[in-house]
Amino acid sequence: MSDAPVRVGFVGCGRQASASWYPNFATIPELDLYACCDLQAALAERNARFFGARRWYTNLSDMIETVDLDAVMVVGPPDMHFECGKQVLAAGLPLMMEKPPARLTAQAQELADMAEGRGLITQIGHNMRHAPGVQKFRELMATPEFGKLLFLESRYFMPSPMWQEDLDYRAGWQYMIFQSTHAVDLARFLGGEIERVYADLSVGEGGRFAIACTAHFDSGATGMITLTGCTPNWTCKIEAAGDARAHLRLVNLHTLDFEPHSPEGGYQPSPGIPSQSYSPAVRDNAEKRGGYWGQMQAFARAVQKGASGSPTLRDACQAMVVCEAICDSIERKAPVDVELS
């Protein structure tokens, strides 16, 4: 256990990494961006200069072998995550990656098995778990005023991508691993393990689509995972109902409404937690609202304490297993039991 900043080697200097990850290093005292790496020398040199890394590399093995690192972060396409992830874990270093950890579920399971076999700390970039609005939502779910969870809906609407055949795997898989996995991970984070799904798909012009999926949780709660690739803008919404007759709603990670039941009847302020709205602070660029800042700080603190990150590579595997089950249910037009990875 150490309070010293975690010396990070960062692999990937592309658009997503540069916009949503790198800017946070300057304001997270637990992190020290020591080196960055990209196959394109110009990008690696640029990010080292822009974000203050001491060294830059074009080869991951060189970075790992020549720099005394505490952890490695990897952000890029899924195949890169899988190959670089294996190298980092083989070197015995804690690993944080953007989601998905691999293109195929079996590959993600291979990484999780490898990390657990070596006792290594891992964390996957399901950033929304670390959004302040989601954290507040979960905190309120745990109160007596909310009660036992009865129903949870995780909604994720997108203008794209389209529902299309994946020549190497299965229809809609690109959407599943890049987009729907957000809704699935939030459902698991807030509702617990998903035991069974029953999904229906509607496809329109140009591959625009909608999915309605019922979900049964191991807690006994029921819920919905609703997904689209046909709306004009991105929308993320979470709603929950508890047996204390309370209602929680979070829209786009930044507007949360909590309506507890009043003994006098209706949704009136109660002696416990009154009805309330909540909007977290927002930063420019890689904003706190989206959870990127929080997930990076959480990983640094996990490494400092020698504790597990959240969500782990195993969580990422399970989210992909649920996505597989949704696809299976669509194809079979029947409920599908979800196995544990």
Protein backbone atom coordinates (compact mmCIF):
# COMPACT_ATOMS: atom_id res chain seq x y z
CA MET A 1 0.00 0.00 0.00
CA SER A 2 1.40 3.39 -1.02
CA ASP A 3 0.24 6.99 -1.27
CA ALA A 4 2.74 7.77 -4.04
CA PRO A 5 1.25 8.68 -7.44
CA VAL A 6 0.82 5.67 -9.71
CA ARG A 7 3.35 5.77 -12.57
CA VAL A 8 1.31 4.98 -15.67
CA GLY A 9 2.35 3.93 -19.14
CA PHE A 10 -0.46 4.79 -21.56
CA VAL A 11 -0.92 2.78 -24.78
CA GLY A 12 -2.91 4.52 -27.51
CA CYS A 13 -2.86 8.15 -28.58
CA GLY A 14 -5.92 8.22 -30.84
CA ARG A 15 -9.04 10.36 -30.74
CA GLN A 16 -10.90 8.66 -27.87
CA ALA A 17 -7.84 8.42 -25.65
CA SER A 18 -6.75 12.00 -26.33
CA ALA A 19 -10.20 13.51 -25.82
CA SER A 20 -11.57 11.57 -22.85
CA TRP A 21 -8.61 10.05 -20.97
CA TYR A 22 -5.39 12.04 -21.25
CA PRO A 23 -6.80 15.43 -20.13
CA ASN A 24 -7.71 13.97 -16.73
CA PHE A 25 -4.12 13.23 -15.67
CA ALA A 26 -3.52 16.91 -14.87
CA THR A 27 -6.22 16.96 -12.17
CA ILE A 28 -5.89 13.50 -10.58
CA PRO A 29 -3.10 13.68 -7.97
CA GLU A 30 -3.00 9.89 -7.60
CA LEU A 31 -1.79 9.49 -11.21
CA ASP A 32 1.56 10.21 -12.86
CA LEU A 33 1.55 9.97 -16.67
CA TYR A 34 5.11 8.72 -17.07
CA ALA A 35 5.14 7.39 -20.65
CA CYS A 36 2.85 7.03 -23.65
CA CYS A 37 2.96 4.70 -26.61
CA ASP A 38 1.45 4.54 -30.10
CA LEU A 39 2.41 2.82 -33.34
CA GLN A 40 2.43 6.26 -34.96
CA ALA A 41 5.45 8.16 -33.68
CA ALA A 42 3.86 11.52 -34.44
CA LEU A 43 0.90 10.77 -32.19
CA ALA A 44 3.03 9.39 -29.36
CA GLU A 45 5.32 12.43 -29.46
CA ARG A 46 2.35 14.80 -29.66
CA ASN A 47 0.60 13.33 -26.61
CA ALA A 48 3.81 13.27 -24.60
CA ARG A 49 4.25 16.96 -25.36
CA PHE A 50 0.61 17.97 -24.85
CA PHE A 51 -0.06 15.99 -21.68
CA GLY A 52 3.33 15.96 -19.98
CA ALA A 53 4.58 12.37 -20.33
CA ARG A 54 8.32 12.10 -19.72
CA ARG A 55 8.89 9.55 -22.49
CA TRP A 56 7.15 8.24 -25.59
CA TYR A 57 7.41 4.94 -27.46
CA THR A 58 6.17 3.18 -30.57
CA ASN A 59 6.58 -0.31 -29.11
CA LEU A 60 4.81 -1.58 -25.99
CA SER A 61 7.53 -4.12 -25.14
CA ASP A 62 10.15 -1.36 -25.18
CA MET A 63 8.06 0.79 -22.84
CA ILE A 64 7.46 -2.04 -20.37
CA GLU A 65 11.09 -3.17 -20.38
CA THR A 66 12.74 0.26 -20.09
CA VAL A 67 10.43 2.15 -17.72
CA ASP A 68 9.66 1.31 -14.09
CA LEU A 69 5.85 1.45 -14.29
CA ASP A 70 3.21 0.80 -11.64
CA ALA A 71 0.38 0.20 -14.13
CA VAL A 72 -0.61 0.42 -17.79
CA MET A 73 -3.71 1.89 -19.45
CA VAL A 74 -4.75 0.78 -22.95
CA VAL A 75 -7.25 2.64 -25.15
CA GLY A 76 -7.83 1.69 -28.77
CA PRO A 77 -9.77 -0.86 -30.86
CA PRO A 78 -10.77 -4.25 -29.38
CA ASP A 79 -8.07 -6.31 -31.11
CA MET A 80 -5.44 -3.93 -29.73
CA HIS A 81 -6.95 -4.26 -26.24
CA PHE A 82 -6.66 -8.04 -26.41
CA GLU A 83 -3.08 -8.21 -27.72
CA CYS A 84 -1.70 -5.38 -25.58
CA GLY A 85 -3.64 -6.63 -22.56
CA LYS A 86 -1.92 -10.01 -22.78
CA GLN A 87 1.49 -8.32 -22.90
CA VAL A 88 0.76 -6.13 -19.89
CA LEU A 89 -0.59 -9.01 -17.81
CA ALA A 90 2.33 -11.24 -18.80
CA ALA A 91 4.62 -8.51 -17.45
CA GLY A 92 2.77 -8.65 -14.11
CA LEU A 93 1.40 -5.11 -14.24
CA PRO A 94 -2.04 -3.82 -13.18
CA LEU A 95 -4.13 -3.11 -16.25
CA MET A 96 -6.90 -0.68 -17.12
CA MET A 97 -8.52 -0.75 -20.56
CA GLU A 98 -11.30 0.92 -22.46
CA LYS A 99 -14.22 -1.38 -23.21
CA PRO A 100 -14.59 -3.84 -24.84
CA PRO A 101 -11.53 -5.80 -23.69
CA ALA A 102 -11.62 -7.87 -26.89
CA ARG A 103 -13.79 -8.40 -29.94
CA LEU A 104 -14.92 -11.86 -28.87
CA THR A 105 -16.26 -13.01 -25.51
CA ALA A 106 -13.88 -15.99 -25.40
CA GLN A 107 -10.91 -13.61 -25.79
CA ALA A 108 -12.19 -11.40 -22.96
CA GLN A 109 -12.51 -14.48 -20.77
CA GLU A 110 -8.94 -15.45 -21.63
CA LEU A 111 -7.73 -12.06 -20.39
CA ALA A 112 -9.80 -12.28 -17.20
CA ASP A 113 -8.52 -15.79 -16.47
CA MET A 114 -4.96 -14.63 -17.07
CA ALA A 115 -5.32 -11.65 -14.71
CA GLU A 116 -6.98 -13.66 -11.96
CA GLY A 117 -4.42 -16.43 -12.29
CA ARG A 118 -1.67 -13.88 -11.61
CA GLY A 119 -3.60 -11.99 -8.93
CA LEU A 120 -3.41 -8.73 -10.88
CA ILE A 121 -5.58 -5.65 -10.46
CA THR A 122 -7.70 -4.90 -13.52
CA GLN A 123 -10.34 -2.36 -14.42
CA ILE A 124 -12.40 -1.91 -17.56
CA GLY A 125 -13.53 1.45 -18.91
CA HIS A 126 -17.24 1.29 -18.23
CA ASN A 127 -17.01 4.96 -17.34
CA MET A 128 -20.69 5.46 -16.53
CA ARG A 129 -20.40 3.47 -13.29
CA HIS A 130 -18.19 6.29 -12.05
CA ALA A 131 -20.43 9.16 -13.14
CA PRO A 132 -21.45 11.19 -10.06
CA GLY A 133 -25.11 10.90 -11.04
CA VAL A 134 -24.93 7.09 -11.18
CA GLN A 135 -23.08 6.97 -7.86
CA LYS A 136 -25.79 9.12 -6.27
CA PHE A 137 -28.49 6.93 -7.84
CA ARG A 138 -26.95 3.82 -6.28
CA GLU A 139 -26.57 5.56 -2.93
CA LEU A 140 -30.29 6.44 -2.88
CA MET A 141 -31.25 2.89 -3.91
CA ALA A 142 -29.59 1.66 -0.70
CA THR A 143 -31.78 3.83 1.58
CA PRO A 144 -34.80 2.60 3.58
CA GLU A 145 -36.86 5.24 1.78
CA PHE A 146 -36.29 3.37 -1.49
CA GLY A 147 -36.60 -0.16 -0.15
CA LYS A 148 -35.98 -3.37 -2.08
CA LEU A 149 -35.48 -3.00 -5.81
CA LEU A 150 -38.50 -4.23 -7.76
CA PHE A 151 -37.92 -2.76 -11.23
CA LEU A 152 -34.96 -1.27 -13.12
CA GLU A 153 -34.82 0.07 -16.65
CA SER A 154 -31.51 0.84 -18.35
CA ARG A 155 -32.14 2.77 -21.58
CA TYR A 156 -29.46 3.59 -24.14
CA PHE A 157 -30.57 5.33 -27.34
CA MET A 158 -28.12 6.15 -30.14
CA PRO A 159 -28.35 7.61 -33.66
CA SER A 160 -26.01 4.86 -34.88
CA PRO A 161 -24.48 2.38 -35.63
CA MET A 162 -26.94 0.42 -37.75
CA TRP A 163 -27.98 -3.18 -37.13
CA GLN A 164 -25.91 -5.08 -39.67
CA GLU A 165 -24.32 -8.39 -40.37
CA ASP A 166 -20.84 -8.96 -38.96
CA LEU A 167 -19.06 -11.02 -41.57
CA ASP A 168 -16.70 -12.48 -38.97
CA TYR A 169 -19.20 -13.18 -36.21
CA ARG A 170 -22.90 -12.38 -35.71
CA ALA A 171 -25.47 -9.73 -36.63
CA GLY A 172 -25.39 -6.58 -34.51
CA TRP A 173 -22.27 -7.57 -32.57
CA GLN A 174 -20.42 -4.31 -33.24
CA TYR A 175 -23.28 -2.37 -31.70
CA MET A 176 -23.46 -4.79 -28.80
CA ILE A 177 -19.84 -4.56 -27.71
CA PHE A 178 -19.43 -0.81 -28.28
CA GLN A 179 -22.81 0.63 -27.24
CA SER A 180 -25.32 -1.73 -25.62
CA THR A 181 -22.66 -2.89 -23.19
CA HIS A 182 -23.05 0.50 -21.45
CA ALA A 183 -26.71 -0.24 -20.68
CA VAL A 184 -25.91 -3.81 -19.68
CA ASP A 185 -23.11 -2.79 -17.32
CA LEU A 186 -25.30 -0.14 -15.64
CA ALA A 187 -28.06 -2.71 -15.20
CA ARG A 188 -25.63 -5.15 -13.55
CA PHE A 189 -24.04 -2.43 -11.42
CA LEU A 190 -27.37 -1.22 -10.06
CA GLY A 191 -29.54 -4.34 -10.18
CA GLY A 192 -27.11 -7.22 -9.69
CA GLU A 193 -26.46 -10.24 -11.87
CA ILE A 194 -28.83 -10.78 -14.78
CA GLU A 195 -30.12 -14.35 -14.83
CA ARG A 196 -32.43 -14.34 -17.85
CA VAL A 197 -33.24 -12.12 -20.85
CA TYR A 198 -36.00 -12.07 -23.45
CA ALA A 199 -35.30 -9.70 -26.33
CA ASP A 200 -37.19 -8.55 -29.41
CA LEU A 201 -35.65 -6.68 -32.37
CA SER A 202 -37.30 -4.30 -34.81
CA VAL A 203 -35.31 -3.24 -37.90
CA GLY A 204 -36.29 -0.43 -40.26
CA GLU A 205 -34.91 1.47 -43.21
CA GLY A 206 -31.15 1.47 -43.57
CA GLY A 207 -30.65 -0.87 -40.63
CA ARG A 208 -32.07 1.51 -38.03
CA PHE A 209 -33.34 -0.58 -35.16
CA ALA A 210 -34.78 -0.90 -31.67
CA ILE A 211 -34.46 -3.65 -29.06
CA ALA A 212 -36.75 -4.23 -26.10
CA CYS A 213 -35.26 -6.72 -23.65
CA THR A 214 -36.80 -7.88 -20.40
CA ALA A 215 -34.25 -8.82 -17.74
CA HIS A 216 -34.62 -10.91 -14.59
CA PHE A 217 -32.09 -10.25 -11.82
CA ASP A 218 -30.79 -12.72 -9.27
CA SER A 219 -32.23 -10.49 -6.53
CA GLY A 220 -35.74 -11.28 -7.80
CA ALA A 221 -36.17 -7.85 -9.40
CA THR A 222 -37.33 -7.49 -12.96
CA GLY A 223 -36.42 -4.88 -15.52
CA MET A 224 -35.86 -3.70 -19.06
CA ILE A 225 -32.83 -3.00 -21.21
CA THR A 226 -33.99 -0.82 -24.09
CA LEU A 227 -31.68 0.00 -26.98
CA THR A 228 -31.88 1.84 -30.29
CA GLY A 229 -29.84 2.86 -33.28
CA CYS A 230 -32.43 5.22 -34.74
CA THR A 231 -32.72 8.34 -32.56
CA PRO A 232 -31.37 11.78 -33.54
CA ASN A 233 -29.24 12.10 -30.40
CA TRP A 234 -27.65 10.07 -27.61
CA THR A 235 -29.89 9.46 -24.60
CA CYS A 236 -29.09 7.46 -21.48
CA LYS A 237 -31.80 6.99 -18.89
CA ILE A 238 -32.06 4.86 -15.76
CA GLU A 239 -35.26 4.37 -13.78
CA ALA A 240 -35.88 2.28 -10.69
CA ALA A 241 -38.82 1.50 -8.41
CA GLY A 242 -38.51 0.16 -4.86
CA ASP A 243 -40.98 -1.60 -2.57
CA ALA A 244 -41.02 1.41 -0.24
CA ARG A 245 -43.05 3.00 -3.07
CA ALA A 246 -40.20 5.20 -4.23
CA HIS A 247 -39.13 6.20 -7.74
CA LEU A 248 -35.66 7.12 -9.00
CA ARG A 249 -34.89 8.57 -12.42
CA LEU A 250 -31.55 9.68 -13.94
CA VAL A 251 -31.42 11.29 -17.39
CA ASN A 252 -28.20 11.61 -19.41
CA LEU A 253 -26.10 11.09 -16.27
CA HIS A 254 -26.75 14.64 -15.04
CA THR A 255 -30.36 15.10 -13.87
CA LEU A 256 -31.53 12.84 -11.05
CA ASP A 257 -34.99 12.91 -9.47
CA PHE A 258 -35.89 10.96 -6.34
CA GLU A 259 -39.53 10.68 -5.29
CA PRO A 260 -40.05 8.81 -2.01
CA HIS A 261 -43.51 7.86 -0.79
CA SER A 262 -45.26 9.91 1.85
CA PRO A 263 -47.52 8.31 4.50
CA GLU A 264 -49.99 11.10 3.72
CA GLY A 265 -50.31 9.72 0.21
CA GLY A 266 -48.77 10.55 -3.13
CA TYR A 267 -45.23 11.70 -3.85
CA GLN A 268 -44.80 14.23 -1.09
CA PRO A 269 -41.74 15.13 1.01
CA SER A 270 -41.25 12.54 3.75
CA PRO A 271 -39.51 12.82 7.14
CA GLY A 272 -36.63 10.73 5.74
CA ILE A 273 -35.20 11.81 2.41
CA PRO A 274 -37.36 14.45 0.72
CA SER A 275 -38.07 14.58 -2.99
CA GLN A 276 -34.97 15.98 -4.62
CA SER A 277 -33.24 16.76 -7.87
CA TYR A 278 -29.50 16.44 -8.32
CA SER A 279 -27.12 17.68 -11.00
CA PRO A 280 -23.37 16.96 -10.62
CA ALA A 281 -20.65 19.42 -11.55
CA VAL A 282 -19.42 19.35 -15.13
CA ARG A 283 -15.90 19.97 -16.43
CA ASP A 284 -14.82 20.86 -19.93
CA ASN A 285 -13.50 18.12 -22.23
CA ALA A 286 -13.31 14.77 -20.37
CA GLU A 287 -15.97 15.83 -17.93
CA LYS A 288 -16.64 14.37 -14.52
CA ARG A 289 -20.30 13.96 -15.47
CA GLY A 290 -19.48 11.11 -17.85
CA GLY A 291 -17.36 9.22 -15.33
CA TYR A 292 -14.01 9.24 -17.18
CA TRP A 293 -12.30 11.27 -14.46
CA GLY A 294 -13.80 9.14 -11.69
CA GLN A 295 -12.88 5.80 -13.24
CA MET A 296 -9.24 6.83 -13.65
CA GLN A 297 -8.99 8.04 -10.06
CA ALA A 298 -10.66 4.83 -8.84
CA PHE A 299 -8.11 2.71 -10.70
CA ALA A 300 -5.21 4.71 -9.26
CA ARG A 301 -6.55 4.28 -5.73
CA ALA A 302 -7.05 0.55 -6.29
CA VAL A 303 -3.41 0.19 -7.36
CA GLN A 304 -2.23 2.25 -4.38
CA LYS A 305 -4.20 0.05 -1.97
CA GLY A 306 -3.50 -3.22 -3.77
CA ALA A 307 -7.26 -3.75 -4.02
CA SER A 308 -9.52 -4.77 -6.89
CA GLY A 309 -10.74 -2.16 -9.36
CA SER A 310 -14.37 -1.77 -10.45
CA PRO A 311 -15.55 -2.95 -12.86
CA THR A 312 -12.95 -5.66 -13.42
CA LEU A 313 -12.09 -7.60 -16.54
CA ARG A 314 -14.41 -10.31 -15.23
CA ASP A 315 -17.24 -7.76 -15.12
CA ALA A 316 -16.46 -6.87 -18.73
CA CYS A 317 -16.69 -10.57 -19.65
CA GLN A 318 -20.06 -10.89 -17.95
CA ALA A 319 -21.41 -7.83 -19.76
CA MET A 320 -20.38 -9.46 -23.04
CA VAL A 321 -22.02 -12.74 -21.97
CA VAL A 322 -25.28 -10.84 -21.39
CA CYS A 323 -24.92 -9.21 -24.82
CA GLU A 324 -24.48 -12.68 -26.32
CA ALA A 325 -27.65 -13.83 -24.55
CA ILE A 326 -29.60 -10.85 -25.93
CA CYS A 327 -28.46 -11.78 -29.45
CA ASP A 328 -29.37 -15.43 -28.81
CA SER A 329 -32.84 -14.43 -27.60
CA ILE A 330 -33.42 -12.29 -30.69
CA GLU A 331 -32.43 -15.18 -32.95
CA ARG A 332 -34.40 -17.83 -31.06
CA LYS A 333 -37.40 -15.59 -30.29
CA ALA A 334 -37.39 -17.04 -26.79
CA PRO A 335 -36.08 -16.35 -23.28
CA VAL A 336 -32.42 -17.21 -22.71
CA ASP A 337 -30.71 -18.03 -19.42
CA VAL A 338 -27.49 -16.10 -18.82
CA GLU A 339 -24.47 -18.11 -17.72
CA LEU A 340 -21.75 -16.75 -15.46
CA SER A 341 -18.43 -16.20 -17.22
